[in-house]
N, C-alpha and C. Protein backbone atom coordinates (compact mmCIF):
# COMPACT_ATOMS: atom_id res chain seq x y z
N MET A 1 5.08 8.42 2.70
CA MET A 1 3.99 8.02 3.57
C MET A 1 2.89 8.97 3.43
N ASN A 2 1.67 8.43 3.78
CA ASN A 2 0.52 9.31 3.69
C ASN A 2 0.15 9.94 4.92
N LYS A 3 -0.57 11.01 4.78
CA LYS A 3 -0.89 11.82 5.95
C LYS A 3 -1.69 11.00 7.10
N SER A 4 -2.46 10.14 6.64
CA SER A 4 -3.30 9.35 7.70
C SER A 4 -2.32 8.57 8.54
N LYS A 5 -1.31 7.88 7.98
CA LYS A 5 -0.35 7.07 8.75
C LYS A 5 0.53 7.98 9.72
N VAL A 6 0.87 9.15 9.23
CA VAL A 6 1.52 10.09 10.13
C VAL A 6 0.64 10.54 11.26
N GLY A 7 -0.64 10.76 10.89
CA GLY A 7 -1.61 11.28 11.92
C GLY A 7 -1.83 10.15 12.95
N ILE A 8 -1.94 8.92 12.63
CA ILE A 8 -2.12 7.82 13.43
C ILE A 8 -0.87 7.54 14.41
N LEU A 9 0.28 7.69 13.82
CA LEU A 9 1.52 7.50 14.54
C LEU A 9 1.61 8.67 15.59
N THR A 10 1.36 9.95 15.09
CA THR A 10 1.44 10.98 15.94
C THR A 10 0.49 10.85 17.10
N LEU A 11 -0.76 10.48 16.87
CA LEU A 11 -1.76 10.27 18.02
C LEU A 11 -1.20 9.25 18.85
N ASN A 12 -0.75 8.09 18.37
CA ASN A 12 -0.29 6.98 19.22
C ASN A 12 0.87 7.51 20.08
N TYR A 13 1.74 8.35 19.61
CA TYR A 13 2.90 8.95 20.41
C TYR A 13 2.25 9.83 21.41
N GLU A 14 1.42 10.69 21.15
CA GLU A 14 0.82 11.64 22.08
C GLU A 14 0.00 10.95 23.20
N ILE A 15 -0.70 9.88 22.95
CA ILE A 15 -1.40 9.24 24.01
C ILE A 15 -0.67 8.04 24.58
N PHE A 16 0.57 7.83 24.27
CA PHE A 16 1.27 6.63 24.67
C PHE A 16 1.31 6.50 26.24
N LYS A 17 0.98 5.27 26.67
CA LYS A 17 1.13 5.00 28.12
C LYS A 17 1.48 3.55 28.25
N MET A 18 2.09 3.11 29.19
CA MET A 18 2.41 1.70 29.51
C MET A 18 1.23 0.97 29.82
N LYS A 19 0.90 -0.19 29.27
CA LYS A 19 -0.26 -0.93 29.48
C LYS A 19 -0.06 -1.76 30.86
N LEU A 20 -1.05 -2.03 31.52
CA LEU A 20 -1.00 -2.74 32.72
C LEU A 20 -0.22 -4.04 32.64
N GLU A 21 -0.45 -4.85 31.63
CA GLU A 21 0.17 -6.17 31.58
C GLU A 21 1.63 -5.99 31.00
N GLU A 22 2.03 -4.90 30.66
CA GLU A 22 3.39 -4.80 29.96
C GLU A 22 4.51 -4.66 30.99
N ASP A 23 5.65 -5.31 30.45
CA ASP A 23 6.87 -5.02 31.17
C ASP A 23 7.68 -3.81 30.43
N ILE A 24 8.72 -3.44 31.13
CA ILE A 24 9.41 -2.21 30.57
C ILE A 24 9.92 -2.49 29.09
N LYS A 25 10.42 -3.66 28.85
CA LYS A 25 10.99 -3.89 27.51
C LYS A 25 9.91 -3.92 26.45
N THR A 26 8.82 -4.52 26.79
CA THR A 26 7.73 -4.57 25.84
C THR A 26 7.25 -3.09 25.56
N MET A 27 7.07 -2.31 26.58
CA MET A 27 6.64 -0.94 26.47
C MET A 27 7.63 -0.21 25.56
N PHE A 28 8.90 -0.33 25.83
CA PHE A 28 10.03 0.36 25.11
C PHE A 28 10.09 -0.03 23.62
N ASP A 29 9.90 -1.31 23.36
CA ASP A 29 9.73 -1.74 22.06
C ASP A 29 8.56 -1.22 21.19
N ARG A 30 7.44 -1.15 21.92
CA ARG A 30 6.28 -0.59 21.30
C ARG A 30 6.55 0.94 21.07
N PHE A 31 7.16 1.60 21.95
CA PHE A 31 7.40 3.01 21.82
C PHE A 31 8.46 3.21 20.68
N THR A 32 9.33 2.40 20.63
CA THR A 32 10.40 2.53 19.55
C THR A 32 9.83 2.36 18.14
N ILE A 33 8.87 1.48 18.04
CA ILE A 33 8.20 1.23 16.78
C ILE A 33 7.52 2.59 16.37
N ILE A 34 6.79 3.17 17.29
CA ILE A 34 6.04 4.44 16.98
C ILE A 34 7.10 5.55 16.51
N ILE A 35 8.14 5.73 17.28
CA ILE A 35 9.15 6.70 16.97
C ILE A 35 9.79 6.41 15.67
N ASN A 36 10.15 5.22 15.42
CA ASN A 36 10.84 4.89 14.22
C ASN A 36 9.98 5.06 12.96
N GLY A 37 8.62 4.70 13.11
CA GLY A 37 7.66 4.99 12.14
C GLY A 37 7.49 6.51 11.85
N LEU A 38 7.46 7.31 12.81
CA LEU A 38 7.43 8.70 12.61
C LEU A 38 8.71 9.24 11.92
N LYS A 39 9.79 8.82 12.30
CA LYS A 39 11.02 9.20 11.74
C LYS A 39 11.12 8.71 10.29
N SER A 40 10.59 7.67 9.94
CA SER A 40 10.54 7.20 8.52
C SER A 40 9.58 8.11 7.70
N CYS A 41 8.60 8.75 8.29
CA CYS A 41 7.71 9.66 7.67
C CYS A 41 8.18 11.08 7.62
N GLY A 42 9.39 11.24 8.29
CA GLY A 42 9.98 12.57 8.24
C GLY A 42 9.65 13.41 9.42
N LYS A 43 8.96 12.88 10.40
CA LYS A 43 8.54 13.62 11.62
C LYS A 43 9.37 13.24 12.71
N THR A 44 10.17 14.13 13.42
CA THR A 44 11.04 13.79 14.39
C THR A 44 10.77 14.63 15.67
N TYR A 45 11.02 14.16 16.76
CA TYR A 45 10.96 14.89 18.01
C TYR A 45 12.30 15.09 18.67
N PRO A 46 12.65 16.14 19.41
CA PRO A 46 13.88 16.31 20.13
C PRO A 46 14.00 15.16 21.12
N ASN A 47 15.33 14.72 21.28
CA ASN A 47 15.60 13.53 22.16
C ASN A 47 15.12 13.85 23.62
N GLU A 48 15.25 15.09 24.00
CA GLU A 48 14.76 15.44 25.42
C GLU A 48 13.20 15.19 25.56
N GLU A 49 12.53 15.53 24.54
CA GLU A 49 11.17 15.38 24.57
C GLU A 49 10.74 13.84 24.54
N VAL A 50 11.41 13.03 23.75
CA VAL A 50 11.16 11.62 23.62
C VAL A 50 11.49 10.98 24.96
N VAL A 51 12.62 11.34 25.66
CA VAL A 51 12.87 10.75 26.92
C VAL A 51 11.83 11.22 27.93
N ARG A 52 11.41 12.42 27.93
CA ARG A 52 10.31 12.93 28.89
C ARG A 52 9.06 12.16 28.65
N LYS A 53 8.74 11.94 27.44
CA LYS A 53 7.53 11.30 27.09
C LYS A 53 7.53 9.84 27.63
N MET A 54 8.74 9.25 27.41
CA MET A 54 8.88 7.85 27.90
C MET A 54 8.74 7.70 29.38
N LEU A 55 9.41 8.63 30.13
CA LEU A 55 9.36 8.71 31.53
C LEU A 55 7.83 8.84 32.07
N GLN A 56 7.22 9.84 31.43
CA GLN A 56 5.83 10.15 31.81
C GLN A 56 4.81 8.93 31.61
N SER A 57 5.24 8.07 30.60
CA SER A 57 4.43 6.91 30.34
C SER A 57 4.42 5.84 31.32
N LEU A 58 5.46 5.97 32.10
CA LEU A 58 5.64 4.83 33.25
C LEU A 58 4.50 4.96 34.26
N PRO A 59 4.13 3.91 34.90
CA PRO A 59 3.04 4.03 35.99
C PRO A 59 3.73 4.72 37.19
N LYS A 60 2.84 5.31 38.01
CA LYS A 60 3.28 5.99 39.21
C LYS A 60 4.20 5.12 40.13
N SER A 61 3.83 3.82 40.14
CA SER A 61 4.55 2.95 41.05
C SER A 61 5.94 2.60 40.49
């Protein structure tokens, strides 16, 4: 994979938030695509960090 794809996926991971119109499943699917894309490029995050990121992405309500 090229550096620009890794950069885009990393940015998408870092700024990831649940969209207003999304349900949990749709958000999780979108998040999984980002994580799997990063993994296929050789970039991984510890499970604890991924779980924390997912929880922080949920709306306050």
